[in-house]
Amino acid sequence: MYIYNVTINIDESVHDEWLTWMETHIPEVLETGRFLSAKMTQVLVEEDMGGVTYSVQYTAKTREDLDNYYKYDAPRLRSDGMKKFADKMVAFRTELKVINEFYPTTSSN
């Protein structure tokens, strides 16, 4: 399992418009069929540059799915946001490989 993480700092002047846009953008990314799910979180650290920071984590089943997203889908989907919010956002991307997942055990008392 792989996590494709996109961290975005968005200027407060377009924050609400960007959040609305993300409600359609994330489903468009999922519609590529390359990811199993997505999770959007707000980063709770105040940035020196201002703005509001978010992390969007897309889960891919295989490395091939992630590579195919980069090859066939990412250029188009990234350009949509850059056209709309280019000078009002900063984004960086990281890849994570899931090694193991742990869950709490239930005790039978």
PDB file of N, CA and C in Angstrom:
ATOM      1  N   MET A   1       0.850  -1.163   0.000  1.00  0.00           N
ATOM      2  CA  MET A   1       0.000   0.000   0.000  1.00  0.00           C
ATOM      3  C   MET A   1       0.904   1.237   0.000  1.00  0.00           C
ATOM      4  N   TYR A   2       0.474   2.264  -0.731  1.00  0.00           N
ATOM      5  CA  TYR A   2       1.235   3.501  -0.842  1.00  0.00           C
ATOM      6  C   TYR A   2       0.326   4.688  -0.533  1.00  0.00           C
ATOM      7  N   ILE A   3       0.912   5.696   0.063  1.00  0.00           N
ATOM      8  CA  ILE A   3       0.188   6.940   0.323  1.00  0.00           C
ATOM      9  C   ILE A   3       0.859   8.050  -0.463  1.00  0.00           C
ATOM     10  N   TYR A   4       0.075   8.705  -1.274  1.00  0.00           N
ATOM     11  CA  TYR A   4       0.521   9.876  -2.016  1.00  0.00           C
ATOM     12  C   TYR A   4      -0.010  11.073  -1.236  1.00  0.00           C
ATOM     13  N   ASN A   5       0.902  11.813  -0.606  1.00  0.00           N
ATOM     14  CA  ASN A   5       0.536  12.916   0.267  1.00  0.00           C
ATOM     15  C   ASN A   5       0.812  14.248  -0.432  1.00  0.00           C
ATOM     16  N   VAL A   6      -0.197  15.102  -0.480  1.00  0.00           N
ATOM     17  CA  VAL A   6      -0.042  16.443  -1.047  1.00  0.00           C
ATOM     18  C   VAL A   6      -0.308  17.424   0.086  1.00  0.00           C
ATOM     19  N   THR A   7       0.708  18.221   0.425  1.00  0.00           N
ATOM     20  CA  THR A   7       0.570  19.235   1.456  1.00  0.00           C
ATOM     21  C   THR A   7       0.452  20.590   0.767  1.00  0.00           C
ATOM     22  N   ILE A   8      -0.594  21.322   1.111  1.00  0.00           N
ATOM     23  CA  ILE A   8      -0.899  22.584   0.438  1.00  0.00           C
ATOM     24  C   ILE A   8      -1.070  23.688   1.465  1.00  0.00           C
ATOM     25  N   ASN A   9      -0.398  24.817   1.222  1.00  0.00           N
ATOM     26  CA  ASN A   9      -0.656  26.019   2.012  1.00  0.00           C
ATOM     27  C   ASN A   9      -1.417  26.963   1.103  1.00  0.00           C
ATOM     28  N   ILE A  10      -2.609  27.353   1.547  1.00  0.00           N
ATOM     29  CA  ILE A  10      -3.483  28.189   0.725  1.00  0.00           C
ATOM     30  C   ILE A  10      -3.668  29.552   1.390  1.00  0.00           C
ATOM     31  N   ASP A  11      -3.565  30.593   0.605  1.00  0.00           N
ATOM     32  CA  ASP A  11      -3.733  31.955   1.105  1.00  0.00           C
ATOM     33  C   ASP A  11      -5.163  32.151   1.607  1.00  0.00           C
ATOM     34  N   GLU A  12      -5.302  32.858   2.700  1.00  0.00           N
ATOM     35  CA  GLU A  12      -6.618  33.050   3.309  1.00  0.00           C
ATOM     36  C   GLU A  12      -7.587  33.794   2.397  1.00  0.00           C
ATOM     37  N   SER A  13      -7.070  34.588   1.461  1.00  0.00           N
ATOM     38  CA  SER A  13      -7.945  35.360   0.562  1.00  0.00           C
ATOM     39  C   SER A  13      -8.741  34.476  -0.397  1.00  0.00           C
ATOM     40  N   VAL A  14      -8.274  33.251  -0.643  1.00  0.00           N
ATOM     41  CA  VAL A  14      -8.989  32.326  -1.535  1.00  0.00           C
ATOM     42  C   VAL A  14      -9.330  31.015  -0.828  1.00  0.00           C
ATOM     43  N   HIS A  15      -9.174  30.987   0.470  1.00  0.00           N
ATOM     44  CA  HIS A  15      -9.347  29.769   1.243  1.00  0.00           C
ATOM     45  C   HIS A  15     -10.697  29.099   1.002  1.00  0.00           C
ATOM     46  N   ASP A  16     -11.794  29.847   1.144  1.00  0.00           N
ATOM     47  CA  ASP A  16     -13.127  29.248   1.006  1.00  0.00           C
ATOM     48  C   ASP A  16     -13.374  28.750  -0.413  1.00  0.00           C
ATOM     49  N   GLU A  17     -12.943  29.521  -1.395  1.00  0.00           N
ATOM     50  CA  GLU A  17     -13.091  29.109  -2.803  1.00  0.00           C
ATOM     51  C   GLU A  17     -12.289  27.835  -3.064  1.00  0.00           C
ATOM     52  N   TRP A  18     -11.078  27.755  -2.511  1.00  0.00           N
ATOM     53  CA  TRP A  18     -10.230  26.578  -2.686  1.00  0.00           C
ATOM     54  C   TRP A  18     -10.863  25.348  -2.037  1.00  0.00           C
ATOM     55  N   LEU A  19     -11.396  25.511  -0.819  1.00  0.00           N
ATOM     56  CA  LEU A  19     -12.059  24.382  -0.146  1.00  0.00           C
ATOM     57  C   LEU A  19     -13.220  23.848  -0.987  1.00  0.00           C
ATOM     58  N   THR A  20     -13.999  24.739  -1.562  1.00  0.00           N
ATOM     59  CA  THR A  20     -15.112  24.333  -2.427  1.00  0.00           C
ATOM     60  C   THR A  20     -14.580  23.591  -3.651  1.00  0.00           C
ATOM     61  N   TRP A  21     -13.512  24.099  -4.240  1.00  0.00           N
ATOM     62  CA  TRP A  21     -12.904  23.456  -5.406  1.00  0.00           C
ATOM     63  C   TRP A  21     -12.385  22.057  -5.051  1.00  0.00           C
ATOM     64  N   MET A  22     -11.815  21.906  -3.864  1.00  0.00           N
ATOM     65  CA  MET A  22     -11.294  20.607  -3.443  1.00  0.00           C
ATOM     66  C   MET A  22     -12.400  19.561  -3.331  1.00  0.00           C
ATOM     67  N   GLU A  23     -13.618  19.984  -3.052  1.00  0.00           N
ATOM     68  CA  GLU A  23     -14.747  19.054  -2.970  1.00  0.00           C
ATOM     69  C   GLU A  23     -15.038  18.389  -4.308  1.00  0.00           C
ATOM     70  N   THR A  24     -14.626  19.009  -5.406  1.00  0.00           N
ATOM     71  CA  THR A  24     -14.754  18.373  -6.722  1.00  0.00           C
ATOM     72  C   THR A  24     -13.420  17.775  -7.183  1.00  0.00           C
ATOM     73  N   HIS A  25     -12.310  18.409  -6.786  1.00  0.00           N
ATOM     74  CA  HIS A  25     -10.992  17.937  -7.230  1.00  0.00           C
ATOM     75  C   HIS A  25     -10.664  16.544  -6.663  1.00  0.00           C
ATOM     76  N   ILE A  26     -10.867  16.351  -5.376  1.00  0.00           N
ATOM     77  CA  ILE A  26     -10.539  15.050  -4.773  1.00  0.00           C
ATOM     78  C   ILE A  26     -11.346  13.921  -5.417  1.00  0.00           C
ATOM     79  N   PRO A  27     -12.660  14.073  -5.605  1.00  0.00           N
ATOM     80  CA  PRO A  27     -13.387  13.022  -6.321  1.00  0.00           C
ATOM     81  C   PRO A  27     -12.876  12.786  -7.748  1.00  0.00           C
ATOM     82  N   GLU A  28     -12.422  13.847  -8.426  1.00  0.00           N
ATOM     83  CA  GLU A  28     -11.857  13.673  -9.774  1.00  0.00           C
ATOM     84  C   GLU A  28     -10.597  12.816  -9.720  1.00  0.00           C
ATOM     85  N   VAL A  29      -9.760  13.049  -8.719  1.00  0.00           N
ATOM     86  CA  VAL A  29      -8.549  12.227  -8.566  1.00  0.00           C
ATOM     87  C   VAL A  29      -8.946  10.775  -8.299  1.00  0.00           C
ATOM     88  N   LEU A  30      -9.922  10.567  -7.433  1.00  0.00           N
ATOM     89  CA  LEU A  30     -10.366   9.205  -7.132  1.00  0.00           C
ATOM     90  C   LEU A  30     -10.987   8.526  -8.350  1.00  0.00           C
ATOM     91  N   GLU A  31     -11.646   9.302  -9.212  1.00  0.00           N
ATOM     92  CA  GLU A  31     -12.275   8.743 -10.413  1.00  0.00           C
ATOM     93  C   GLU A  31     -11.267   8.204 -11.418  1.00  0.00           C
ATOM     94  N   THR A  32      -9.982   8.515 -11.246  1.00  0.00           N
ATOM     95  CA  THR A  32      -8.967   7.951 -12.141  1.00  0.00           C
ATOM     96  C   THR A  32      -8.846   6.440 -11.942  1.00  0.00           C
ATOM     97  N   GLY A  33      -9.325   5.946 -10.798  1.00  0.00           N
ATOM     98  CA  GLY A  33      -9.224   4.526 -10.496  1.00  0.00           C
ATOM     99  C   GLY A  33      -7.872   4.105  -9.956  1.00  0.00           C
ATOM    100  N   ARG A  34      -6.992   5.062  -9.716  1.00  0.00           N
ATOM    101  CA  ARG A  34      -5.635   4.747  -9.244  1.00  0.00           C
ATOM    102  C   ARG A  34      -5.551   4.652  -7.716  1.00  0.00           C
ATOM    103  N   PHE A  35      -6.575   5.180  -7.021  1.00  0.00           N
ATOM    104  CA  PHE A  35      -6.529   5.246  -5.562  1.00  0.00           C
ATOM    105  C   PHE A  35      -7.752   4.580  -4.952  1.00  0.00           C
ATOM    106  N   LEU A  36      -7.565   4.034  -3.749  1.00  0.00           N
ATOM    107  CA  LEU A  36      -8.640   3.374  -3.022  1.00  0.00           C
ATOM    108  C   LEU A  36      -9.458   4.366  -2.203  1.00  0.00           C
ATOM    109  N   SER A  37      -8.797   5.403  -1.694  1.00  0.00           N
ATOM    110  CA  SER A  37      -9.468   6.367  -0.832  1.00  0.00           C
ATOM    111  C   SER A  37      -8.633   7.636  -0.734  1.00  0.00           C
ATOM    112  N   ALA A  38      -9.230   8.652  -0.127  1.00  0.00           N
ATOM    113  CA  ALA A  38      -8.522   9.909   0.132  1.00  0.00           C
ATOM    114  C   ALA A  38      -8.963  10.436   1.487  1.00  0.00           C
ATOM    115  N   LYS A  39      -8.046  11.110   2.141  1.00  0.00           N
ATOM    116  CA  LYS A  39      -8.331  11.721   3.438  1.00  0.00           C
ATOM    117  C   LYS A  39      -7.758  13.133   3.403  1.00  0.00           C
ATOM    118  N   MET A  40      -8.569  14.118   3.781  1.00  0.00           N
ATOM    119  CA  MET A  40      -8.108  15.508   3.833  1.00  0.00           C
ATOM    120  C   MET A  40      -8.044  15.943   5.282  1.00  0.00           C
ATOM    121  N   THR A  41      -6.892  16.485   5.684  1.00  0.00           N
ATOM    122  CA  THR A  41      -6.716  16.938   7.057  1.00  0.00           C
ATOM    123  C   THR A  41      -6.164  18.357   7.064  1.00  0.00           C
ATOM    124  N   GLN A  42      -6.449  19.086   8.119  1.00  0.00           N
ATOM    125  CA  GLN A  42      -5.868  20.407   8.299  1.00  0.00           C
ATOM    126  C   GLN A  42      -4.653  20.264   9.205  1.00  0.00           C
ATOM    127  N   VAL A  43      -3.553  20.875   8.800  1.00  0.00           N
ATOM    128  CA  VAL A  43      -2.336  20.865   9.602  1.00  0.00           C
ATOM    129  C   VAL A  43      -2.505  21.906  10.698  1.00  0.00           C
ATOM    130  N   LEU A  44      -2.281  21.499  11.940  1.00  0.00           N
ATOM    131  CA  LEU A  44      -2.562  22.369  13.075  1.00  0.00           C
ATOM    132  C   LEU A  44      -1.348  23.153  13.558  1.00  0.00           C
ATOM    133  N   VAL A  45      -0.394  23.362  12.682  1.00  0.00           N
ATOM    134  CA  VAL A  45       0.778  24.173  12.991  1.00  0.00           C
ATOM    135  C   VAL A  45       0.634  25.490  12.238  1.00  0.00           C
ATOM    136  N   GLU A  46       0.818  26.589  12.947  1.00  0.00           N
ATOM    137  CA  GLU A  46       0.720  27.900  12.312  1.00  0.00           C
ATOM    138  C   GLU A  46       1.991  28.165  11.515  1.00  0.00           C
ATOM    139  N   GLU A  47       1.825  28.514  10.249  1.00  0.00           N
ATOM    140  CA  GLU A  47       2.959  28.752   9.363  1.00  0.00           C
ATOM    141  C   GLU A  47       3.416  30.204   9.448  1.00  0.00           C
ATOM    142  N   ASP A  48       4.736  30.433   9.387  1.00  0.00           N
ATOM    143  CA  ASP A  48       5.280  31.792   9.374  1.00  0.00           C
ATOM    144  C   ASP A  48       4.774  32.582   8.176  1.00  0.00           C
ATOM    145  N   MET A  49       4.562  31.880   7.060  1.00  0.00           N
ATOM    146  CA  MET A  49       4.128  32.551   5.833  1.00  0.00           C
ATOM    147  C   MET A  49       2.644  32.895   5.858  1.00  0.00           C
ATOM    148  N   GLY A  50       1.925  32.427   6.875  1.00  0.00           N
ATOM    149  CA  GLY A  50       0.486  32.663   6.942  1.00  0.00           C
ATOM    150  C   GLY A  50      -0.255  31.608   6.155  1.00  0.00           C
ATOM    151  N   GLY A  51      -1.508  31.883   5.874  1.00  0.00           N
ATOM    152  CA  GLY A  51      -2.329  30.935   5.149  1.00  0.00           C
ATOM    153  C   GLY A  51      -2.751  29.774   6.030  1.00  0.00           C
ATOM    154  N   VAL A  52      -3.434  28.823   5.410  1.00  0.00           N
ATOM    155  CA  VAL A  52      -3.910  27.623   6.097  1.00  0.00           C
ATOM    156  C   VAL A  52      -3.317  26.427   5.362  1.00  0.00           C
ATOM    157  N   THR A  53      -2.833  25.459   6.114  1.00  0.00           N
ATOM    158  CA  THR A  53      -2.165  24.312   5.508  1.00  0.00           C
ATOM    159  C   THR A  53      -3.010  23.051   5.673  1.00  0.00           C
ATOM    160  N   TYR A  54      -3.078  22.282   4.587  1.00  0.00           N
ATOM    161  CA  TYR A  54      -3.826  21.031   4.555  1.00  0.00           C
ATOM    162  C   TYR A  54      -2.932  19.919   4.022  1.00  0.00           C
ATOM    163  N   SER A  55      -3.298  18.695   4.370  1.00  0.00           N
ATOM    164  CA  SER A  55      -2.664  17.512   3.814  1.00  0.00           C
ATOM    165  C   SER A  55      -3.765  16.640   3.227  1.00  0.00           C
ATOM    166  N   VAL A  56      -3.581  16.241   1.974  1.00  0.00           N
ATOM    167  CA  VAL A  56      -4.512  15.307   1.348  1.00  0.00           C
ATOM    168  C   VAL A  56      -3.735  14.029   1.093  1.00  0.00           C
ATOM    169  N   GLN A  57      -4.238  12.925   1.631  1.00  0.00           N
ATOM    170  CA  GLN A  57      -3.553  11.641   1.519  1.00  0.00           C
ATOM    171  C   GLN A  57      -4.396  10.681   0.684  1.00  0.00           C
ATOM    172  N   TYR A  58      -3.838  10.305  -0.455  1.00  0.00           N
ATOM    173  CA  TYR A  58      -4.487   9.358  -1.348  1.00  0.00           C
ATOM    174  C   TYR A  58      -3.820   7.996  -1.155  1.00  0.00           C
ATOM    175  N   THR A  59      -4.614   6.946  -0.973  1.00  0.00           N
ATOM    176  CA  THR A  59      -4.074   5.610  -0.765  1.00  0.00           C
ATOM    177  C   THR A  59      -4.155   4.804  -2.060  1.00  0.00           C
ATOM    178  N   ALA A  60      -3.001   4.311  -2.498  1.00  0.00           N
ATOM    179  CA  ALA A  60      -2.914   3.475  -3.703  1.00  0.00           C
ATOM    180  C   ALA A  60      -2.568   2.053  -3.290  1.00  0.00           C
ATOM    181  N   LYS A  61      -3.150   1.094  -3.962  1.00  0.00           N
ATOM    182  CA  LYS A  61      -2.904  -0.318  -3.631  1.00  0.00           C
ATOM    183  C   LYS A  61      -1.506  -0.754  -4.054  1.00  0.00           C
ATOM    184  N   THR A  62      -1.043  -0.282  -5.235  1.00  0.00           N
ATOM    185  CA  THR A  62       0.249  -0.734  -5.760  1.00  0.00           C
ATOM    186  C   THR A  62       1.097   0.448  -6.223  1.00  0.00           C
ATOM    187  N   ARG A  63       2.378   0.184  -6.344  1.00  0.00           N
ATOM    188  CA  ARG A  63       3.309   1.174  -6.889  1.00  0.00           C
ATOM    189  C   ARG A  63       2.930   1.483  -8.342  1.00  0.00           C
ATOM    190  N   GLU A  64       2.478   0.478  -9.056  1.00  0.00           N
ATOM    191  CA  GLU A  64       2.077   0.648 -10.450  1.00  0.00           C
ATOM    192  C   GLU A  64       0.909   1.634 -10.561  1.00  0.00           C
ATOM    193  N   ASP A  65      -0.053   1.537  -9.644  1.00  0.00           N
ATOM    194  CA  ASP A  65      -1.176   2.491  -9.644  1.00  0.00           C
ATOM    195  C   ASP A  65      -0.673   3.909  -9.461  1.00  0.00           C
ATOM    196  N   LEU A  66       0.254   4.106  -8.539  1.00  0.00           N
ATOM    197  CA  LEU A  66       0.803   5.434  -8.295  1.00  0.00           C
ATOM    198  C   LEU A  66       1.573   5.936  -9.512  1.00  0.00           C
ATOM    199  N   ASP A  67       2.410   5.082 -10.089  1.00  0.00           N
ATOM    200  CA  ASP A  67       3.164   5.467 -11.284  1.00  0.00           C
ATOM    201  C   ASP A  67       2.239   5.807 -12.450  1.00  0.00           C
ATOM    202  N   ASN A  68       1.172   5.035 -12.617  1.00  0.00           N
ATOM    203  CA  ASN A  68       0.222   5.323 -13.694  1.00  0.00           C
ATOM    204  C   ASN A  68      -0.511   6.643 -13.460  1.00  0.00           C
ATOM    205  N   TYR A  69      -0.780   6.980 -12.198  1.00  0.00           N
ATOM    206  CA  TYR A  69      -1.372   8.283 -11.895  1.00  0.00           C
ATOM    207  C   TYR A  69      -0.437   9.399 -12.359  1.00  0.00           C
ATOM    208  N   TYR A  70       0.856   9.282 -12.014  1.00  0.00           N
ATOM    209  CA  TYR A  70       1.824  10.296 -12.433  1.00  0.00           C
ATOM    210  C   TYR A  70       1.892  10.412 -13.953  1.00  0.00           C
ATOM    211  N   LYS A  71       1.878   9.281 -14.614  1.00  0.00           N
ATOM    212  CA  LYS A  71       2.064   9.246 -16.068  1.00  0.00           C
ATOM    213  C   LYS A  71       0.834   9.727 -16.835  1.00  0.00           C
ATOM    214  N   TYR A  72      -0.346   9.293 -16.419  1.00  0.00           N
ATOM    215  CA  TYR A  72      -1.541   9.536 -17.219  1.00  0.00           C
ATOM    216  C   TYR A  72      -2.482  10.616 -16.679  1.00  0.00           C
ATOM    217  N   ASP A  73      -2.465  10.882 -15.394  1.00  0.00           N
ATOM    218  CA  ASP A  73      -3.487  11.750 -14.811  1.00  0.00           C
ATOM    219  C   ASP A  73      -2.966  13.016 -14.140  1.00  0.00           C
ATOM    220  N   ALA A  74      -1.841  12.933 -13.475  1.00  0.00           N
ATOM    221  CA  ALA A  74      -1.357  14.049 -12.655  1.00  0.00           C
ATOM    222  C   ALA A  74      -1.175  15.351 -13.426  1.00  0.00           C
ATOM    223  N   PRO A  75      -0.568  15.345 -14.619  1.00  0.00           N
ATOM    224  CA  PRO A  75      -0.361  16.632 -15.297  1.00  0.00           C
ATOM    225  C   PRO A  75      -1.663  17.425 -15.500  1.00  0.00           C
ATOM    226  N   ARG A  76      -2.696  16.752 -15.944  1.00  0.00           N
ATOM    227  CA  ARG A  76      -3.979  17.419 -16.181  1.00  0.00           C
ATOM    228  C   ARG A  76      -4.613  17.891 -14.874  1.00  0.00           C
ATOM    229  N   LEU A  77      -4.638  17.020 -13.877  1.00  0.00           N
ATOM    230  CA  LEU A  77      -5.302  17.359 -12.622  1.00  0.00           C
ATOM    231  C   LEU A  77      -4.543  18.426 -11.841  1.00  0.00           C
ATOM    232  N   ARG A  78      -3.222  18.413 -11.917  1.00  0.00           N
ATOM    233  CA  ARG A  78      -2.430  19.445 -11.237  1.00  0.00           C
ATOM    234  C   ARG A  78      -2.605  20.799 -11.911  1.00  0.00           C
ATOM    235  N   SER A  79      -2.674  20.804 -13.225  1.00  0.00           N
ATOM    236  CA  SER A  79      -2.761  22.083 -13.939  1.00  0.00           C
ATOM    237  C   SER A  79      -4.069  22.815 -13.636  1.00  0.00           C
ATOM    238  N   ASP A  80      -5.140  22.076 -13.373  1.00  0.00           N
ATOM    239  CA  ASP A  80      -6.417  22.717 -13.032  1.00  0.00           C
ATOM    240  C   ASP A  80      -6.266  23.624 -11.818  1.00  0.00           C
ATOM    241  N   GLY A  81      -5.646  23.111 -10.768  1.00  0.00           N
ATOM    242  CA  GLY A  81      -5.453  23.896  -9.548  1.00  0.00           C
ATOM    243  C   GLY A  81      -4.458  25.017  -9.728  1.00  0.00           C
ATOM    244  N   MET A  82      -3.414  24.759 -10.501  1.00  0.00           N
ATOM    245  CA  MET A  82      -2.403  25.792 -10.714  1.00  0.00           C
ATOM    246  C   MET A  82      -2.974  26.969 -11.502  1.00  0.00           C
ATOM    247  N   LYS A  83      -3.839  26.688 -12.466  1.00  0.00           N
ATOM    248  CA  LYS A  83      -4.459  27.780 -13.236  1.00  0.00           C
ATOM    249  C   LYS A  83      -5.317  28.653 -12.327  1.00  0.00           C
ATOM    250  N   LYS A  84      -6.021  28.014 -11.429  1.00  0.00           N
ATOM    251  CA  LYS A  84      -6.984  28.704 -10.586  1.00  0.00           C
ATOM    252  C   LYS A  84      -6.345  29.423  -9.397  1.00  0.00           C
ATOM    253  N   PHE A  85      -5.330  28.808  -8.779  1.00  0.00           N
ATOM    254  CA  PHE A  85      -4.796  29.317  -7.516  1.00  0.00           C
ATOM    255  C   PHE A  85      -3.276  29.517  -7.526  1.00  0.00           C
ATOM    256  N   ALA A  86      -2.667  29.607  -8.692  1.00  0.00           N
ATOM    257  CA  ALA A  86      -1.207  29.578  -8.849  1.00  0.00           C
ATOM    258  C   ALA A  86      -0.443  30.472  -7.875  1.00  0.00           C
ATOM    259  N   ASP A  87      -0.800  31.719  -7.776  1.00  0.00           N
ATOM    260  CA  ASP A  87      -0.032  32.638  -6.937  1.00  0.00           C
ATOM    261  C   ASP A  87      -0.549  32.697  -5.506  1.00  0.00           C
ATOM    262  N   LYS A  88      -1.522  31.864  -5.165  1.00  0.00           N
ATOM    263  CA  LYS A  88      -2.133  31.883  -3.837  1.00  0.00           C
ATOM    264  C   LYS A  88      -1.918  30.575  -3.074  1.00  0.00           C
ATOM    265  N   MET A  89      -1.125  29.662  -3.643  1.00  0.00           N
ATOM    266  CA  MET A  89      -0.906  28.392  -2.969  1.00  0.00           C
ATOM    267  C   MET A  89       0.504  27.878  -3.187  1.00  0.00           C
ATOM    268  N   VAL A  90       0.959  27.086  -2.234  1.00  0.00           N
ATOM    269  CA  VAL A  90       2.226  26.382  -2.347  1.00  0.00           C
ATOM    270  C   VAL A  90       1.913  24.922  -2.029  1.00  0.00           C
ATOM    271  N   ALA A  91       2.407  24.014  -2.859  1.00  0.00           N
ATOM    272  CA  ALA A  91       2.138  22.596  -2.641  1.00  0.00           C
ATOM    273  C   ALA A  91       3.427  21.798  -2.751  1.00  0.00           C
ATOM    274  N   PHE A  92       3.547  20.777  -1.927  1.00  0.00           N
ATOM    275  CA  PHE A  92       4.625  19.811  -2.122  1.00  0.00           C
ATOM    276  C   PHE A  92       4.070  18.420  -1.892  1.00  0.00           C
ATOM    277  N   ARG A  93       4.703  17.476  -2.560  1.00  0.00           N
ATOM    278  CA  ARG A  93       4.191  16.115  -2.588  1.00  0.00           C
ATOM    279  C   ARG A  93       5.219  15.142  -2.032  1.00  0.00           C
ATOM    280  N   THR A  94       4.737  14.153  -1.300  1.00  0.00           N
ATOM    281  CA  THR A  94       5.601  13.094  -0.798  1.00  0.00           C
ATOM    282  C   THR A  94       4.909  11.756  -1.005  1.00  0.00           C
ATOM    283  N   GLU A  95       5.716  10.715  -1.076  1.00  0.00           N
ATOM    284  CA  GLU A  95       5.206   9.346  -1.196  1.00  0.00           C
ATOM    285  C   GLU A  95       5.595   8.586   0.056  1.00  0.00           C
ATOM    286  N   LEU A  96       4.676   7.777   0.531  1.00  0.00           N
ATOM    287  CA  LEU A  96       4.922   6.954   1.709  1.00  0.00           C
ATOM    288  C   LEU A  96       4.556   5.510   1.376  1.00  0.00           C
ATOM    289  N   LYS A  97       5.355   4.587   1.837  1.00  0.00           N
ATOM    290  CA  LYS A  97       5.048   3.174   1.675  1.00  0.00           C
ATOM    291  C   LYS A  97       4.598   2.643   3.025  1.00  0.00           C
ATOM    292  N   VAL A  98       3.423   2.048   3.075  1.00  0.00           N
ATOM    293  CA  VAL A  98       2.895   1.493   4.318  1.00  0.00           C
ATOM    294  C   VAL A  98       3.616   0.177   4.586  1.00  0.00           C
ATOM    295  N   ILE A  99       4.265   0.103   5.728  1.00  0.00           N
ATOM    296  CA  ILE A  99       4.989  -1.107   6.125  1.00  0.00           C
ATOM    297  C   ILE A  99       4.084  -2.018   6.938  1.00  0.00           C
ATOM    298  N   ASN A 100       3.328  -1.424   7.855  1.00  0.00           N
ATOM    299  CA  ASN A 100       2.450  -2.206   8.708  1.00  0.00           C
ATOM    300  C   ASN A 100       1.397  -1.264   9.286  1.00  0.00           C
ATOM    301  N   GLU A 101       0.263  -1.805   9.619  1.00  0.00           N
ATOM    302  CA  GLU A 101      -0.777  -1.032  10.294  1.00  0.00           C
ATOM    303  C   GLU A 101      -1.106  -1.748  11.594  1.00  0.00           C
ATOM    304  N   PHE A 102      -1.338  -0.984  12.632  1.00  0.00           N
ATOM    305  CA  PHE A 102      -1.640  -1.539  13.931  1.00  0.00           C
ATOM    306  C   PHE A 102      -2.998  -1.014  14.401  1.00  0.00           C
ATOM    307  N   TYR A 103      -3.720  -1.868  15.064  1.00  0.00           N
ATOM    308  CA  TYR A 103      -5.031  -1.516  15.600  1.00  0.00           C
ATOM    309  C   TYR A 103      -5.075  -1.945  17.062  1.00  0.00           C
ATOM    310  N   PRO A 104      -5.848  -1.250  17.876  1.00  0.00           N
ATOM    311  CA  PRO A 104      -5.932  -1.669  19.269  1.00  0.00           C
ATOM    312  C   PRO A 104      -6.610  -3.031  19.375  1.00  0.00           C
ATOM    313  N   THR A 105      -6.145  -3.786  20.328  1.00  0.00           N
ATOM    314  CA  THR A 105      -6.785  -5.066  20.571  1.00  0.00           C
ATOM    315  C   THR A 105      -7.905  -4.854  21.579  1.00  0.00           C
ATOM    316  N   THR A 106      -8.930  -5.644  21.463  1.00  0.00           N
ATOM    317  CA  THR A 106     -10.028  -5.530  22.423  1.00  0.00           C
ATOM    318  C   THR A 106      -9.823  -6.560  23.517  1.00  0.00           C
ATOM    319  N   SER A 107     -10.040  -6.117  24.716  1.00  0.00           N
ATOM    320  CA  SER A 107      -9.924  -7.069  25.825  1.00  0.00           C
ATOM    321  C   SER A 107     -11.312  -7.588  26.181  1.00  0.00           C
ATOM    322  N   SER A 108     -11.372  -8.816  26.559  1.00  0.00           N
ATOM    323  CA  SER A 108     -12.668  -9.425  26.890  1.00  0.00           C
ATOM    324  C   SER A 108     -12.813  -9.543  28.401  1.00  0.00           C
ATOM    325  N   ASN A 109     -13.126  -8.434  29.028  1.00  0.00           N
ATOM    326  CA  ASN A 109     -13.337  -8.422  30.487  1.00  0.00           C
ATOM    327  C   ASN A 109     -14.790  -8.323  30.808  1.00  0.00           C
TER     328      ASN A 109
END
